[in-house]
All heavy atoms as atom14 arrays in JSON, in Angstrom:
{
  "sequence": "IISLFVVGIVLGPIAIVKANRAEREFNTSATVGKVTGWIGTIF",
  "atom14_mask": [
    [1, 1, 1, 1, 1, 1, 1, 1, 0, 0, 0, 0, 0, 0],
    [1, 1, 1, 1, 1, 1, 1, 1, 0, 0, 0, 0, 0, 0],
    [1, 1, 1, 1, 1, 1, 0, 0, 0, 0, 0, 0, 0, 0],
    [1, 1, 1, 1, 1, 1, 1, 1, 0, 0, 0, 0, 0, 0],
    [1, 1, 1, 1, 1, 1, 1, 1, 1, 1, 1, 0, 0, 0],
    [1, 1, 1, 1, 1, 1, 1, 0, 0, 0, 0, 0, 0, 0],
    [1, 1, 1, 1, 1, 1, 1, 0, 0, 0, 0, 0, 0, 0],
    [1, 1, 1, 1, 0, 0, 0, 0, 0, 0, 0, 0, 0, 0],
    [1, 1, 1, 1, 1, 1, 1, 1, 0, 0, 0, 0, 0, 0],
    [1, 1, 1, 1, 1, 1, 1, 0, 0, 0, 0, 0, 0, 0],
    [1, 1, 1, 1, 1, 1, 1, 1, 0, 0, 0, 0, 0, 0],
    [1, 1, 1, 1, 0, 0, 0, 0, 0, 0, 0, 0, 0, 0],
    [1, 1, 1, 1, 1, 1, 1, 0, 0, 0, 0, 0, 0, 0],
    [1, 1, 1, 1, 1, 1, 1, 1, 0, 0, 0, 0, 0, 0],
    [1, 1, 1, 1, 1, 0, 0, 0, 0, 0, 0, 0, 0, 0],
    [1, 1, 1, 1, 1, 1, 1, 1, 0, 0, 0, 0, 0, 0],
    [1, 1, 1, 1, 1, 1, 1, 0, 0, 0, 0, 0, 0, 0],
    [1, 1, 1, 1, 1, 1, 1, 1, 1, 0, 0, 0, 0, 0],
    [1, 1, 1, 1, 1, 0, 0, 0, 0, 0, 0, 0, 0, 0],
    [1, 1, 1, 1, 1, 1, 1, 1, 0, 0, 0, 0, 0, 0],
    [1, 1, 1, 1, 1, 1, 1, 1, 1, 1, 1, 0, 0, 0],
    [1, 1, 1, 1, 1, 0, 0, 0, 0, 0, 0, 0, 0, 0],
    [1, 1, 1, 1, 1, 1, 1, 1, 1, 0, 0, 0, 0, 0],
    [1, 1, 1, 1, 1, 1, 1, 1, 1, 1, 1, 0, 0, 0],
    [1, 1, 1, 1, 1, 1, 1, 1, 1, 0, 0, 0, 0, 0],
    [1, 1, 1, 1, 1, 1, 1, 1, 1, 1, 1, 0, 0, 0],
    [1, 1, 1, 1, 1, 1, 1, 1, 0, 0, 0, 0, 0, 0],
    [1, 1, 1, 1, 1, 1, 1, 0, 0, 0, 0, 0, 0, 0],
    [1, 1, 1, 1, 1, 1, 0, 0, 0, 0, 0, 0, 0, 0],
    [1, 1, 1, 1, 1, 0, 0, 0, 0, 0, 0, 0, 0, 0],
    [1, 1, 1, 1, 1, 1, 1, 0, 0, 0, 0, 0, 0, 0],
    [1, 1, 1, 1, 1, 1, 1, 0, 0, 0, 0, 0, 0, 0],
    [1, 1, 1, 1, 0, 0, 0, 0, 0, 0, 0, 0, 0, 0],
    [1, 1, 1, 1, 1, 1, 1, 1, 1, 0, 0, 0, 0, 0],
    [1, 1, 1, 1, 1, 1, 1, 0, 0, 0, 0, 0, 0, 0],
    [1, 1, 1, 1, 1, 1, 1, 0, 0, 0, 0, 0, 0, 0],
    [1, 1, 1, 1, 0, 0, 0, 0, 0, 0, 0, 0, 0, 0],
    [1, 1, 1, 1, 1, 1, 1, 1, 1, 1, 1, 1, 1, 1],
    [1, 1, 1, 1, 1, 1, 1, 1, 0, 0, 0, 0, 0, 0],
    [1, 1, 1, 1, 0, 0, 0, 0, 0, 0, 0, 0, 0, 0],
    [1, 1, 1, 1, 1, 1, 1, 0, 0, 0, 0, 0, 0, 0],
    [1, 1, 1, 1, 1, 1, 1, 1, 0, 0, 0, 0, 0, 0],
    [1, 1, 1, 1, 1, 1, 1, 1, 1, 1, 1, 0, 0, 0]
  ],
  "atom14_positions": [
    [[138.93, 129.11, 45.85], [139.59, 128.04, 45.09], [138.56, 127.11, 44.49], [138.68, 126.71, 43.34], [140.56, 127.29, 46.04], [141.77, 128.19, 46.37], [141.09, 126.0, 45.36], [142.72, 127.66, 47.41], [0.0, 0.0, 0.0], [0.0, 0.0, 0.0], [0.0, 0.0, 0.0], [0.0, 0.0, 0.0], [0.0, 0.0, 0.0], [0.0, 0.0, 0.0]],
    [[137.53, 126.78, 45.28], [136.5, 125.9, 44.73], [135.75, 126.58, 43.58], [135.38, 125.91, 42.61], [135.5, 125.49, 45.85], [136.23, 124.59, 46.87], [134.27, 124.73, 45.27], [135.38, 124.26, 48.09], [0.0, 0.0, 0.0], [0.0, 0.0, 0.0], [0.0, 0.0, 0.0], [0.0, 0.0, 0.0], [0.0, 0.0, 0.0], [0.0, 0.0, 0.0]],
    [[135.57, 127.91, 43.65], [134.87, 128.61, 42.61], [135.62, 128.59, 41.28], [135.0, 128.86, 40.25], [134.62, 130.09, 43.03], [135.77, 130.86, 43.0], [0.0, 0.0, 0.0], [0.0, 0.0, 0.0], [0.0, 0.0, 0.0], [0.0, 0.0, 0.0], [0.0, 0.0, 0.0], [0.0, 0.0, 0.0], [0.0, 0.0, 0.0], [0.0, 0.0, 0.0]],
    [[136.91, 128.3, 41.31], [137.65, 128.18, 40.04], [137.21, 127.0, 39.23], [137.41, 126.97, 38.0], [139.14, 128.09, 40.35], [139.83, 129.29, 40.99], [141.25, 128.97, 41.32], [139.73, 130.51, 40.1], [0.0, 0.0, 0.0], [0.0, 0.0, 0.0], [0.0, 0.0, 0.0], [0.0, 0.0, 0.0], [0.0, 0.0, 0.0], [0.0, 0.0, 0.0]],
    [[136.64, 125.96, 39.9], [136.31, 124.74, 39.23], [134.83, 124.47, 39.12], [134.38, 123.91, 38.13], [137.0, 123.55, 39.98], [138.48, 123.72, 40.06], [139.07, 124.14, 41.26], [139.31, 123.53, 38.97], [140.45, 124.29, 41.35], [140.65, 123.69, 39.04], [141.22, 124.09, 40.24], [0.0, 0.0, 0.0], [0.0, 0.0, 0.0], [0.0, 0.0, 0.0]],
    [[134.04, 124.83, 40.1], [132.58, 124.54, 40.07], [131.8, 125.74, 40.57], [132.24, 126.44, 41.51], [132.21, 123.33, 40.91], [132.74, 122.04, 40.31], [132.66, 123.44, 42.32], [0.0, 0.0, 0.0], [0.0, 0.0, 0.0], [0.0, 0.0, 0.0], [0.0, 0.0, 0.0], [0.0, 0.0, 0.0], [0.0, 0.0, 0.0], [0.0, 0.0, 0.0]],
    [[130.7, 126.02, 39.97], [129.71, 127.05, 40.38], [130.42, 128.39, 40.75], [130.14, 128.96, 41.8], [128.83, 126.57, 41.56], [127.58, 127.37, 41.63], [128.48, 125.09, 41.42], [0.0, 0.0, 0.0], [0.0, 0.0, 0.0], [0.0, 0.0, 0.0], [0.0, 0.0, 0.0], [0.0, 0.0, 0.0], [0.0, 0.0, 0.0], [0.0, 0.0, 0.0]],
    [[131.31, 128.82, 39.9], [132.06, 130.05, 40.18], [131.18, 131.29, 40.26], [131.53, 132.21, 40.99], [0.0, 0.0, 0.0], [0.0, 0.0, 0.0], [0.0, 0.0, 0.0], [0.0, 0.0, 0.0], [0.0, 0.0, 0.0], [0.0, 0.0, 0.0], [0.0, 0.0, 0.0], [0.0, 0.0, 0.0], [0.0, 0.0, 0.0], [0.0, 0.0, 0.0]],
    [[130.06, 131.27, 39.54], [129.21, 132.45, 39.53], [128.51, 132.62, 40.87], [128.04, 133.68, 41.21], [128.22, 132.39, 38.34], [127.73, 133.78, 38.04], [127.12, 131.41, 38.6], [127.11, 133.91, 36.67], [0.0, 0.0, 0.0], [0.0, 0.0, 0.0], [0.0, 0.0, 0.0], [0.0, 0.0, 0.0], [0.0, 0.0, 0.0], [0.0, 0.0, 0.0]],
    [[128.44, 131.53, 41.66], [127.78, 131.6, 42.98], [128.85, 131.7, 44.07], [128.78, 132.59, 44.97], [126.89, 130.36, 43.21], [126.36, 130.36, 44.63], [125.82, 130.32, 42.19], [0.0, 0.0, 0.0], [0.0, 0.0, 0.0], [0.0, 0.0, 0.0], [0.0, 0.0, 0.0], [0.0, 0.0, 0.0], [0.0, 0.0, 0.0], [0.0, 0.0, 0.0]],
    [[129.83, 130.84, 44.06], [130.81, 130.79, 45.17], [131.85, 131.95, 45.09], [132.35, 132.36, 46.15], [131.61, 129.44, 45.14], [130.77, 128.23, 45.37], [131.64, 126.97, 45.3], [130.07, 128.29, 46.72], [0.0, 0.0, 0.0], [0.0, 0.0, 0.0], [0.0, 0.0, 0.0], [0.0, 0.0, 0.0], [0.0, 0.0, 0.0], [0.0, 0.0, 0.0]],
    [[132.14, 132.43, 43.9], [133.04, 133.57, 43.77], [132.65, 134.82, 44.51], [133.4, 135.38, 45.32], [0.0, 0.0, 0.0], [0.0, 0.0, 0.0], [0.0, 0.0, 0.0], [0.0, 0.0, 0.0], [0.0, 0.0, 0.0], [0.0, 0.0, 0.0], [0.0, 0.0, 0.0], [0.0, 0.0, 0.0], [0.0, 0.0, 0.0], [0.0, 0.0, 0.0]],
    [[131.42, 135.3, 44.29], [130.97, 136.49, 45.03], [130.89, 136.25, 46.55], [131.16, 137.17, 47.36], [129.58, 136.76, 44.48], [129.62, 136.19, 43.1], [130.45, 134.99, 43.19], [0.0, 0.0, 0.0], [0.0, 0.0, 0.0], [0.0, 0.0, 0.0], [0.0, 0.0, 0.0], [0.0, 0.0, 0.0], [0.0, 0.0, 0.0], [0.0, 0.0, 0.0]],
    [[130.53, 135.02, 46.99], [130.5, 134.75, 48.42], [131.93, 134.85, 48.99], [132.15, 135.41, 50.04], [129.94, 133.36, 48.69], [128.49, 133.33, 48.28], [130.06, 132.97, 50.16], [127.83, 131.94, 48.32], [0.0, 0.0, 0.0], [0.0, 0.0, 0.0], [0.0, 0.0, 0.0], [0.0, 0.0, 0.0], [0.0, 0.0, 0.0], [0.0, 0.0, 0.0]],
    [[132.94, 134.35, 48.25], [134.31, 134.45, 48.68], [134.77, 135.89, 48.77], [135.45, 136.32, 49.71], [135.21, 133.67, 47.71], [0.0, 0.0, 0.0], [0.0, 0.0, 0.0], [0.0, 0.0, 0.0], [0.0, 0.0, 0.0], [0.0, 0.0, 0.0], [0.0, 0.0, 0.0], [0.0, 0.0, 0.0], [0.0, 0.0, 0.0], [0.0, 0.0, 0.0]],
    [[134.33, 136.73, 47.81], [134.72, 138.13, 47.82], [134.08, 138.85, 49.03], [134.77, 139.63, 49.7], [134.29, 138.82, 46.5], [135.05, 138.2, 45.34], [134.47, 140.31, 46.54], [134.52, 138.58, 43.96], [0.0, 0.0, 0.0], [0.0, 0.0, 0.0], [0.0, 0.0, 0.0], [0.0, 0.0, 0.0], [0.0, 0.0, 0.0], [0.0, 0.0, 0.0]],
    [[132.83, 138.58, 49.3], [132.15, 139.23, 50.44], [132.83, 138.84, 51.74], [133.05, 139.68, 52.64], [130.64, 138.85, 50.45], [129.99, 139.26, 51.75], [129.94, 139.52, 49.27], [0.0, 0.0, 0.0], [0.0, 0.0, 0.0], [0.0, 0.0, 0.0], [0.0, 0.0, 0.0], [0.0, 0.0, 0.0], [0.0, 0.0, 0.0], [0.0, 0.0, 0.0]],
    [[133.14, 137.54, 51.93], [133.79, 137.11, 53.16], [135.19, 137.69, 53.29], [135.6, 138.08, 54.38], [133.86, 135.58, 53.21], [132.5, 134.97, 53.48], [132.62, 133.51, 53.83], [131.3, 132.91, 54.14], [130.68, 133.37, 55.37], [0.0, 0.0, 0.0], [0.0, 0.0, 0.0], [0.0, 0.0, 0.0], [0.0, 0.0, 0.0], [0.0, 0.0, 0.0]],
    [[135.92, 137.82, 52.19], [137.28, 138.42, 52.24], [137.17, 139.88, 52.6], [137.98, 140.4, 53.41], [137.95, 138.23, 50.88], [0.0, 0.0, 0.0], [0.0, 0.0, 0.0], [0.0, 0.0, 0.0], [0.0, 0.0, 0.0], [0.0, 0.0, 0.0], [0.0, 0.0, 0.0], [0.0, 0.0, 0.0], [0.0, 0.0, 0.0], [0.0, 0.0, 0.0]],
    [[136.22, 140.61, 52.05], [136.05, 142.04, 52.35], [135.68, 142.22, 53.84], [136.17, 143.15, 54.47], [135.01, 142.65, 51.45], [135.53, 142.89, 50.06], [136.7, 143.03, 49.83], [134.57, 142.94, 49.11], [0.0, 0.0, 0.0], [0.0, 0.0, 0.0], [0.0, 0.0, 0.0], [0.0, 0.0, 0.0], [0.0, 0.0, 0.0], [0.0, 0.0, 0.0]],
    [[134.83, 141.33, 54.33], [134.42, 141.43, 55.75], [135.62, 141.17, 56.65], [135.8, 141.85, 57.68], [133.31, 140.45, 56.03], [132.83, 140.55, 57.48], [131.59, 139.72, 57.72], [131.25, 139.78, 59.11], [130.95, 138.72, 59.84], [130.88, 137.55, 59.26], [130.7, 138.86, 61.13], [0.0, 0.0, 0.0], [0.0, 0.0, 0.0], [0.0, 0.0, 0.0]],
    [[136.45, 140.18, 56.32], [137.65, 139.88, 57.17], [138.6, 141.04, 57.15], [139.17, 141.37, 58.19], [138.36, 138.63, 56.63], [0.0, 0.0, 0.0], [0.0, 0.0, 0.0], [0.0, 0.0, 0.0], [0.0, 0.0, 0.0], [0.0, 0.0, 0.0], [0.0, 0.0, 0.0], [0.0, 0.0, 0.0], [0.0, 0.0, 0.0], [0.0, 0.0, 0.0]],
    [[138.77, 141.71, 56.03], [139.67, 142.84, 55.94], [139.09, 144.08, 56.65], [139.81, 144.81, 57.32], [140.01, 143.16, 54.51], [140.94, 142.11, 53.88], [141.26, 142.41, 52.41], [140.54, 143.23, 51.8], [142.24, 141.81, 51.93], [0.0, 0.0, 0.0], [0.0, 0.0, 0.0], [0.0, 0.0, 0.0], [0.0, 0.0, 0.0], [0.0, 0.0, 0.0]],
    [[137.8, 144.32, 56.44], [137.2, 145.54, 57.0], [136.95, 145.45, 58.52], [137.36, 146.35, 59.22], [135.85, 145.77, 56.27], [135.14, 147.03, 56.7], [133.81, 147.25, 55.96], [132.92, 146.13, 56.17], [132.55, 145.26, 55.24], [132.98, 145.39, 54.02], [131.69, 144.25, 55.49], [0.0, 0.0, 0.0], [0.0, 0.0, 0.0], [0.0, 0.0, 0.0]],
    [[136.36, 144.37, 59.0], [135.99, 144.28, 60.41], [137.13, 143.8, 61.31], [137.15, 144.2, 62.49], [134.77, 143.37, 60.56], [133.5, 143.92, 59.94], [132.33, 142.99, 60.13], [132.38, 142.09, 60.93], [131.32, 143.2, 59.41], [0.0, 0.0, 0.0], [0.0, 0.0, 0.0], [0.0, 0.0, 0.0], [0.0, 0.0, 0.0], [0.0, 0.0, 0.0]],
    [[137.98, 142.92, 60.79], [138.99, 142.33, 61.67], [140.43, 142.64, 61.3], [141.36, 142.15, 61.9], [138.8, 140.78, 61.69], [137.42, 140.39, 62.16], [136.5, 139.94, 61.25], [137.07, 140.51, 63.49], [135.23, 139.56, 61.67], [135.82, 140.14, 63.91], [134.89, 139.65, 63.01], [0.0, 0.0, 0.0], [0.0, 0.0, 0.0], [0.0, 0.0, 0.0]],
    [[140.59, 143.46, 60.22], [141.91, 143.89, 59.8], [142.81, 142.67, 59.53], [143.98, 142.65, 59.88], [142.54, 144.84, 60.8], [143.67, 145.66, 60.18], [143.71, 145.81, 59.0], [144.58, 146.16, 61.01], [0.0, 0.0, 0.0], [0.0, 0.0, 0.0], [0.0, 0.0, 0.0], [0.0, 0.0, 0.0], [0.0, 0.0, 0.0], [0.0, 0.0, 0.0]],
    [[142.24, 141.67, 58.88], [142.96, 140.44, 58.54], [143.12, 140.38, 57.05], [142.16, 140.58, 56.31], [142.2, 139.2, 59.04], [142.02, 139.34, 60.44], [142.94, 137.96, 58.77], [0.0, 0.0, 0.0], [0.0, 0.0, 0.0], [0.0, 0.0, 0.0], [0.0, 0.0, 0.0], [0.0, 0.0, 0.0], [0.0, 0.0, 0.0], [0.0, 0.0, 0.0]],
    [[144.33, 140.11, 56.57], [144.58, 140.04, 55.12], [143.86, 138.83, 54.54], [144.01, 137.71, 55.02], [146.08, 139.96, 54.86], [146.31, 139.84, 53.48], [0.0, 0.0, 0.0], [0.0, 0.0, 0.0], [0.0, 0.0, 0.0], [0.0, 0.0, 0.0], [0.0, 0.0, 0.0], [0.0, 0.0, 0.0], [0.0, 0.0, 0.0], [0.0, 0.0, 0.0]],
    [[143.09, 139.03, 53.48], [142.36, 137.99, 52.78], [142.5, 138.14, 51.3], [141.55, 137.94, 50.54], [140.9, 137.99, 53.22], [0.0, 0.0, 0.0], [0.0, 0.0, 0.0], [0.0, 0.0, 0.0], [0.0, 0.0, 0.0], [0.0, 0.0, 0.0], [0.0, 0.0, 0.0], [0.0, 0.0, 0.0], [0.0, 0.0, 0.0], [0.0, 0.0, 0.0]],
    [[143.67, 138.47, 50.83], [143.91, 138.72, 49.43], [143.7, 137.5, 48.56], [143.15, 137.59, 47.47], [145.34, 139.26, 49.24], [145.54, 140.39, 50.11], [145.6, 139.67, 47.83], [0.0, 0.0, 0.0], [0.0, 0.0, 0.0], [0.0, 0.0, 0.0], [0.0, 0.0, 0.0], [0.0, 0.0, 0.0], [0.0, 0.0, 0.0], [0.0, 0.0, 0.0]],
    [[144.11, 136.33, 49.06], [143.99, 135.14, 48.25], [142.54, 134.81, 47.98], [142.14, 134.49, 46.85], [144.7, 133.93, 48.93], [144.43, 132.64, 48.21], [146.16, 134.18, 49.05], [0.0, 0.0, 0.0], [0.0, 0.0, 0.0], [0.0, 0.0, 0.0], [0.0, 0.0, 0.0], [0.0, 0.0, 0.0], [0.0, 0.0, 0.0], [0.0, 0.0, 0.0]],
    [[141.71, 134.93, 49.0], [140.25, 134.67, 48.85], [139.65, 135.66, 47.88], [138.77, 135.28, 47.11], [0.0, 0.0, 0.0], [0.0, 0.0, 0.0], [0.0, 0.0, 0.0], [0.0, 0.0, 0.0], [0.0, 0.0, 0.0], [0.0, 0.0, 0.0], [0.0, 0.0, 0.0], [0.0, 0.0, 0.0], [0.0, 0.0, 0.0], [0.0, 0.0, 0.0]],
    [[140.04, 136.9, 47.96], [139.46, 137.94, 47.09], [139.87, 137.69, 45.64], [139.02, 137.77, 44.74], [139.93, 139.31, 47.58], [139.14, 140.43, 46.96], [139.62, 141.78, 47.4], [139.41, 142.02, 48.88], [139.78, 143.35, 49.3], [0.0, 0.0, 0.0], [0.0, 0.0, 0.0], [0.0, 0.0, 0.0], [0.0, 0.0, 0.0], [0.0, 0.0, 0.0]],
    [[141.15, 137.43, 45.4], [141.63, 137.24, 44.01], [141.01, 135.99, 43.4], [140.48, 136.04, 42.28], [143.15, 137.18, 44.02], [143.65, 136.71, 42.66], [143.73, 138.53, 44.37], [0.0, 0.0, 0.0], [0.0, 0.0, 0.0], [0.0, 0.0, 0.0], [0.0, 0.0, 0.0], [0.0, 0.0, 0.0], [0.0, 0.0, 0.0], [0.0, 0.0, 0.0]],
    [[141.04, 134.85, 44.14], [140.46, 133.6, 43.57], [138.96, 133.77, 43.42], [138.35, 133.18, 42.52], [140.84, 132.42, 44.43], [140.42, 132.66, 45.79], [142.28, 132.09, 44.38], [0.0, 0.0, 0.0], [0.0, 0.0, 0.0], [0.0, 0.0, 0.0], [0.0, 0.0, 0.0], [0.0, 0.0, 0.0], [0.0, 0.0, 0.0], [0.0, 0.0, 0.0]],
    [[138.32, 134.54, 44.32], [136.89, 134.78, 44.17], [136.58, 135.55, 42.92], [135.65, 135.21, 42.21], [0.0, 0.0, 0.0], [0.0, 0.0, 0.0], [0.0, 0.0, 0.0], [0.0, 0.0, 0.0], [0.0, 0.0, 0.0], [0.0, 0.0, 0.0], [0.0, 0.0, 0.0], [0.0, 0.0, 0.0], [0.0, 0.0, 0.0], [0.0, 0.0, 0.0]],
    [[137.37, 136.58, 42.62], [137.16, 137.33, 41.38], [137.39, 136.47, 40.13], [136.63, 136.51, 39.17], [138.03, 138.59, 41.32], [137.42, 139.74, 42.06], [137.84, 140.32, 43.23], [136.26, 140.51, 41.66], [137.02, 141.34, 43.55], [136.04, 141.48, 42.61], [135.41, 140.41, 40.58], [134.97, 142.37, 42.53], [134.33, 141.29, 40.5], [134.16, 142.26, 41.49]],
    [[138.44, 135.68, 40.16], [138.77, 134.85, 39.02], [137.65, 133.79, 38.84], [137.2, 133.55, 37.73], [140.18, 134.2, 39.17], [141.23, 135.27, 39.11], [140.41, 133.14, 38.11], [142.61, 134.76, 39.45], [0.0, 0.0, 0.0], [0.0, 0.0, 0.0], [0.0, 0.0, 0.0], [0.0, 0.0, 0.0], [0.0, 0.0, 0.0], [0.0, 0.0, 0.0]],
    [[137.22, 133.21, 39.94], [136.12, 132.22, 39.85], [134.82, 132.87, 39.35], [134.08, 132.21, 38.58], [0.0, 0.0, 0.0], [0.0, 0.0, 0.0], [0.0, 0.0, 0.0], [0.0, 0.0, 0.0], [0.0, 0.0, 0.0], [0.0, 0.0, 0.0], [0.0, 0.0, 0.0], [0.0, 0.0, 0.0], [0.0, 0.0, 0.0], [0.0, 0.0, 0.0]],
    [[134.55, 134.09, 39.78], [133.36, 134.77, 39.29], [133.44, 135.03, 37.79], [132.49, 134.82, 37.09], [133.18, 136.11, 40.05], [133.1, 135.82, 41.46], [131.95, 136.83, 39.59], [0.0, 0.0, 0.0], [0.0, 0.0, 0.0], [0.0, 0.0, 0.0], [0.0, 0.0, 0.0], [0.0, 0.0, 0.0], [0.0, 0.0, 0.0], [0.0, 0.0, 0.0]],
    [[134.62, 135.44, 37.34], [134.8, 135.72, 35.89], [134.63, 134.4, 35.11], [133.93, 134.36, 34.05], [136.12, 136.4, 35.64], [136.09, 137.83, 36.21], [136.47, 136.43, 34.15], [137.44, 138.5, 36.26], [0.0, 0.0, 0.0], [0.0, 0.0, 0.0], [0.0, 0.0, 0.0], [0.0, 0.0, 0.0], [0.0, 0.0, 0.0], [0.0, 0.0, 0.0]],
    [[135.31, 133.33, 35.55], [135.21, 132.06, 34.88], [133.73, 131.56, 34.9], [133.23, 131.05, 33.89], [136.07, 130.99, 35.52], [137.53, 131.1, 35.17], [138.44, 130.31, 35.83], [137.98, 131.98, 34.21], [139.8, 130.43, 35.55], [139.32, 132.1, 33.89], [140.26, 131.3, 34.58], [0.0, 0.0, 0.0], [0.0, 0.0, 0.0], [0.0, 0.0, 0.0]]
  ]
}
């Protein structure tokens, strides 16, 4: 969410990595973090 407004090129990929780790290692849904991370990265 923060990456949508400031420093999206830095915070977006970090959000994506953390969301992937939560889904892969702990089987926890992190779709919101992944989607907003991608949108922040693109912006």
